[in-house]
Amino acid sequence: GCGSPALDLSPIANARPKIGTTAQAALTNIPSSLAFVSLGWSDTIAGPFPLPFNLVLYGLPGCFLLQSAHTNSPATPTGPGTATYSLPLPNWNFLLGVNLYLQGWAPAPGYNSGGVIVSNGVEWVIGSH
């Protein structure tokens, strides 16, 4: 991730992505009270762009887009500089083995000209309970 300290996204060990449960990931080093998680289906291409994609042209030096971004959802604050992203997974067997890619981002006024930092990426492979 980028930022100082870098925005970090990590899986929560006891909330793994399994059908019929709620998968969770934790964000740390959030510079303000807001943070979001982008969820995507690919870590190789986002629209016309091969990944990873350097975001320097958008005013985010040292930051990279690591996945496609099909949804953006707010993370729930859990304390100063921390938040949790939760994704309820229905009990549908056809989801088994599906890969989901997550990347956090947060407003960071003054850190760079884009005013945003992004995290490292997390890959979830949906399993059974």
C-alpha atoms as a PDB file:
ATOM      1  CA  GLY A   1       0.000   0.000   0.000  1.00  0.00           C
ATOM      2  CA  CYS A   2       0.937   3.636  -0.097  1.00  0.00           C
ATOM      3  CA  GLY A   3       0.776   6.301   2.583  1.00  0.00           C
ATOM      4  CA  SER A   4       2.958   7.029   5.549  1.00  0.00           C
ATOM      5  CA  PRO A   5       2.464   4.662   7.267  1.00  0.00           C
ATOM      6  CA  ALA A   6       1.094   2.570   4.426  1.00  0.00           C
ATOM      7  CA  LEU A   7      -2.617   1.750   4.382  1.00  0.00           C
ATOM      8  CA  ASP A   8      -2.850  -1.974   5.111  1.00  0.00           C
ATOM      9  CA  LEU A   9      -5.587  -4.502   4.317  1.00  0.00           C
ATOM     10  CA  SER A  10      -5.423  -7.978   5.842  1.00  0.00           C
ATOM     11  CA  PRO A  11      -7.795 -10.939   6.133  1.00  0.00           C
ATOM     12  CA  ILE A  12      -9.326 -11.649   9.540  1.00  0.00           C
ATOM     13  CA  ALA A  13      -8.370 -15.243  10.402  1.00  0.00           C
ATOM     14  CA  ASN A  14     -11.653 -16.254  12.040  1.00  0.00           C
ATOM     15  CA  ALA A  15     -13.799 -14.622   9.307  1.00  0.00           C
ATOM     16  CA  ARG A  16     -12.562 -16.362   6.180  1.00  0.00           C
ATOM     17  CA  PRO A  17     -14.603 -16.277   2.944  1.00  0.00           C
ATOM     18  CA  LYS A  18     -16.872 -19.315   3.228  1.00  0.00           C
ATOM     19  CA  ILE A  19     -20.374 -19.705   1.831  1.00  0.00           C
ATOM     20  CA  GLY A  20     -23.093 -19.028   4.397  1.00  0.00           C
ATOM     21  CA  THR A  21     -20.816 -16.786   6.510  1.00  0.00           C
ATOM     22  CA  THR A  22     -19.608 -13.181   6.578  1.00  0.00           C
ATOM     23  CA  ALA A  23     -16.046 -12.744   5.346  1.00  0.00           C
ATOM     24  CA  GLN A  24     -14.052  -9.881   6.862  1.00  0.00           C
ATOM     25  CA  ALA A  25     -10.849  -7.964   6.272  1.00  0.00           C
ATOM     26  CA  ALA A  26      -9.219  -5.338   8.489  1.00  0.00           C
ATOM     27  CA  LEU A  27      -7.872  -1.960   7.391  1.00  0.00           C
ATOM     28  CA  THR A  28      -5.175  -0.264   9.465  1.00  0.00           C
ATOM     29  CA  ASN A  29      -3.268   3.019   9.213  1.00  0.00           C
ATOM     30  CA  ILE A  30      -6.338   4.938   8.025  1.00  0.00           C
ATOM     31  CA  PRO A  31      -5.411   8.655   8.084  1.00  0.00           C
ATOM     32  CA  SER A  32      -8.983   9.882   8.670  1.00  0.00           C
ATOM     33  CA  SER A  33     -12.275   8.389   9.825  1.00  0.00           C
ATOM     34  CA  LEU A  34     -13.235   7.199   6.326  1.00  0.00           C
ATOM     35  CA  ALA A  35     -12.055   4.109   4.456  1.00  0.00           C
ATOM     36  CA  PHE A  36     -13.448   2.039   1.628  1.00  0.00           C
ATOM     37  CA  VAL A  37     -12.842  -1.345   0.036  1.00  0.00           C
ATOM     38  CA  SER A  38     -13.055  -2.020  -3.684  1.00  0.00           C
ATOM     39  CA  LEU A  39     -14.091  -5.519  -4.684  1.00  0.00           C
ATOM     40  CA  GLY A  40     -13.177  -6.909  -8.099  1.00  0.00           C
ATOM     41  CA  TRP A  41     -13.180 -10.048 -10.200  1.00  0.00           C
ATOM     42  CA  SER A  42      -9.717  -9.697 -11.783  1.00  0.00           C
ATOM     43  CA  ASP A  43      -6.159  -9.020 -10.709  1.00  0.00           C
ATOM     44  CA  THR A  44      -4.836  -8.975 -14.281  1.00  0.00           C
ATOM     45  CA  ILE A  45      -6.952  -6.328 -16.047  1.00  0.00           C
ATOM     46  CA  ALA A  46      -9.166  -3.372 -15.135  1.00  0.00           C
ATOM     47  CA  GLY A  47     -11.026  -2.155 -18.212  1.00  0.00           C
ATOM     48  CA  PRO A  48      -8.326  -1.406 -20.800  1.00  0.00           C
ATOM     49  CA  PHE A  49      -5.500  -1.335 -18.229  1.00  0.00           C
ATOM     50  CA  PRO A  50      -3.219  -4.268 -17.405  1.00  0.00           C
ATOM     51  CA  LEU A  51      -2.612  -4.655 -13.682  1.00  0.00           C
ATOM     52  CA  PRO A  52      -0.887  -3.596 -11.538  1.00  0.00           C
ATOM     53  CA  PHE A  53      -1.515  -0.037 -12.770  1.00  0.00           C
ATOM     54  CA  ASN A  54       0.637   2.834 -11.516  1.00  0.00           C
ATOM     55  CA  LEU A  55      -1.579   5.692 -10.265  1.00  0.00           C
ATOM     56  CA  VAL A  56       1.135   8.367 -10.492  1.00  0.00           C
ATOM     57  CA  LEU A  57      -0.677  10.078 -13.404  1.00  0.00           C
ATOM     58  CA  TYR A  58      -3.670  10.578 -11.084  1.00  0.00           C
ATOM     59  CA  GLY A  59      -1.598  12.328  -8.429  1.00  0.00           C
ATOM     60  CA  LEU A  60      -0.929   9.199  -6.362  1.00  0.00           C
ATOM     61  CA  PRO A  61       2.828   8.502  -6.586  1.00  0.00           C
ATOM     62  CA  GLY A  62       3.839   5.150  -5.121  1.00  0.00           C
ATOM     63  CA  CYS A  63       0.242   3.895  -5.305  1.00  0.00           C
ATOM     64  CA  PHE A  64      -0.951   1.077  -7.571  1.00  0.00           C
ATOM     65  CA  LEU A  65      -4.338  -0.238  -8.637  1.00  0.00           C
ATOM     66  CA  LEU A  66      -4.025  -3.983  -8.060  1.00  0.00           C
ATOM     67  CA  GLN A  67      -7.418  -5.269  -9.239  1.00  0.00           C
ATOM     68  CA  SER A  68     -10.570  -4.409 -11.106  1.00  0.00           C
ATOM     69  CA  ALA A  69     -13.037  -2.410  -9.031  1.00  0.00           C
ATOM     70  CA  HIS A  70     -16.610  -3.563  -9.530  1.00  0.00           C
ATOM     71  CA  THR A  71     -17.963  -2.293  -6.206  1.00  0.00           C
ATOM     72  CA  ASN A  72     -16.836   0.188  -3.576  1.00  0.00           C
ATOM     73  CA  SER A  73     -18.150  -0.141  -0.044  1.00  0.00           C
ATOM     74  CA  PRO A  74     -17.412   1.801   3.121  1.00  0.00           C
ATOM     75  CA  ALA A  75     -15.526  -0.013   5.838  1.00  0.00           C
ATOM     76  CA  THR A  76     -16.913   0.152   9.384  1.00  0.00           C
ATOM     77  CA  PRO A  77     -14.666   2.125  11.754  1.00  0.00           C
ATOM     78  CA  THR A  78     -13.465   0.026  14.709  1.00  0.00           C
ATOM     79  CA  GLY A  79     -11.157   2.534  16.406  1.00  0.00           C
ATOM     80  CA  PRO A  80      -8.657   5.281  15.621  1.00  0.00           C
ATOM     81  CA  GLY A  81      -7.092   4.452  12.241  1.00  0.00           C
ATOM     82  CA  THR A  82      -8.811   1.052  11.930  1.00  0.00           C
ATOM     83  CA  ALA A  83     -11.884  -0.356  10.204  1.00  0.00           C
ATOM     84  CA  THR A  84     -13.418  -3.653   9.124  1.00  0.00           C
ATOM     85  CA  TYR A  85     -14.883  -4.592   5.759  1.00  0.00           C
ATOM     86  CA  SER A  86     -17.584  -7.283   5.873  1.00  0.00           C
ATOM     87  CA  LEU A  87     -19.078  -9.256   2.983  1.00  0.00           C
ATOM     88  CA  PRO A  88     -21.991 -11.632   3.684  1.00  0.00           C
ATOM     89  CA  LEU A  89     -21.692 -14.676   1.424  1.00  0.00           C
ATOM     90  CA  PRO A  90     -24.904 -16.565   0.629  1.00  0.00           C
ATOM     91  CA  ASN A  91     -25.018 -20.336   1.033  1.00  0.00           C
ATOM     92  CA  TRP A  92     -24.753 -20.946  -2.726  1.00  0.00           C
ATOM     93  CA  ASN A  93     -22.523 -23.839  -3.802  1.00  0.00           C
ATOM     94  CA  PHE A  94     -21.800 -22.299  -7.207  1.00  0.00           C
ATOM     95  CA  LEU A  95     -19.679 -19.681  -5.376  1.00  0.00           C
ATOM     96  CA  LEU A  96     -17.180 -22.356  -4.262  1.00  0.00           C
ATOM     97  CA  GLY A  97     -13.743 -21.630  -5.699  1.00  0.00           C
ATOM     98  CA  VAL A  98     -14.637 -18.113  -6.902  1.00  0.00           C
ATOM     99  CA  ASN A  99     -11.794 -15.601  -6.556  1.00  0.00           C
ATOM    100  CA  LEU A 100     -12.518 -12.112  -5.237  1.00  0.00           C
ATOM    101  CA  TYR A 101      -9.938  -9.345  -5.078  1.00  0.00           C
ATOM    102  CA  LEU A 102     -10.002  -6.556  -2.507  1.00  0.00           C
ATOM    103  CA  GLN A 103      -8.112  -3.293  -2.174  1.00  0.00           C
ATOM    104  CA  GLY A 104      -8.701  -0.596   0.406  1.00  0.00           C
ATOM    105  CA  TRP A 105      -8.525   3.121  -0.129  1.00  0.00           C
ATOM    106  CA  ALA A 106      -8.945   6.179   2.042  1.00  0.00           C
ATOM    107  CA  PRO A 107      -9.048   9.951   1.711  1.00  0.00           C
ATOM    108  CA  ALA A 108      -5.688  11.401   2.720  1.00  0.00           C
ATOM    109  CA  PRO A 109      -5.813  15.182   2.249  1.00  0.00           C
ATOM    110  CA  GLY A 110      -2.341  16.620   1.813  1.00  0.00           C
ATOM    111  CA  TYR A 111      -0.550  13.289   1.421  1.00  0.00           C
ATOM    112  CA  ASN A 112      -0.418  13.612  -2.374  1.00  0.00           C
ATOM    113  CA  SER A 113      -2.088  15.782  -5.013  1.00  0.00           C
ATOM    114  CA  GLY A 114      -4.850  13.173  -5.449  1.00  0.00           C
ATOM    115  CA  GLY A 115      -5.675  13.259  -1.744  1.00  0.00           C
ATOM    116  CA  VAL A 116      -6.077   9.467  -1.605  1.00  0.00           C
ATOM    117  CA  ILE A 117      -4.010   6.466  -0.526  1.00  0.00           C
ATOM    118  CA  VAL A 118      -4.584   2.818  -1.436  1.00  0.00           C
ATOM    119  CA  SER A 119      -3.743  -0.412   0.360  1.00  0.00           C
ATOM    120  CA  ASN A 120      -2.093  -3.629  -0.622  1.00  0.00           C
ATOM    121  CA  GLY A 121      -4.383  -6.247  -2.161  1.00  0.00           C
ATOM    122  CA  VAL A 122      -6.085  -9.307  -0.713  1.00  0.00           C
ATOM    123  CA  GLU A 123      -7.284 -12.319  -2.682  1.00  0.00           C
ATOM    124  CA  TRP A 124     -10.185 -14.327  -1.304  1.00  0.00           C
ATOM    125  CA  VAL A 125     -11.061 -17.775  -2.637  1.00  0.00           C
ATOM    126  CA  ILE A 126     -14.555 -18.722  -1.488  1.00  0.00           C
ATOM    127  CA  GLY A 127     -14.693 -22.038   0.316  1.00  0.00           C
ATOM    128  CA  SER A 128     -17.256 -24.167   2.121  1.00  0.00           C
ATOM    129  CA  HIS A 129     -18.148 -23.995   5.781  1.00  0.00           C
END
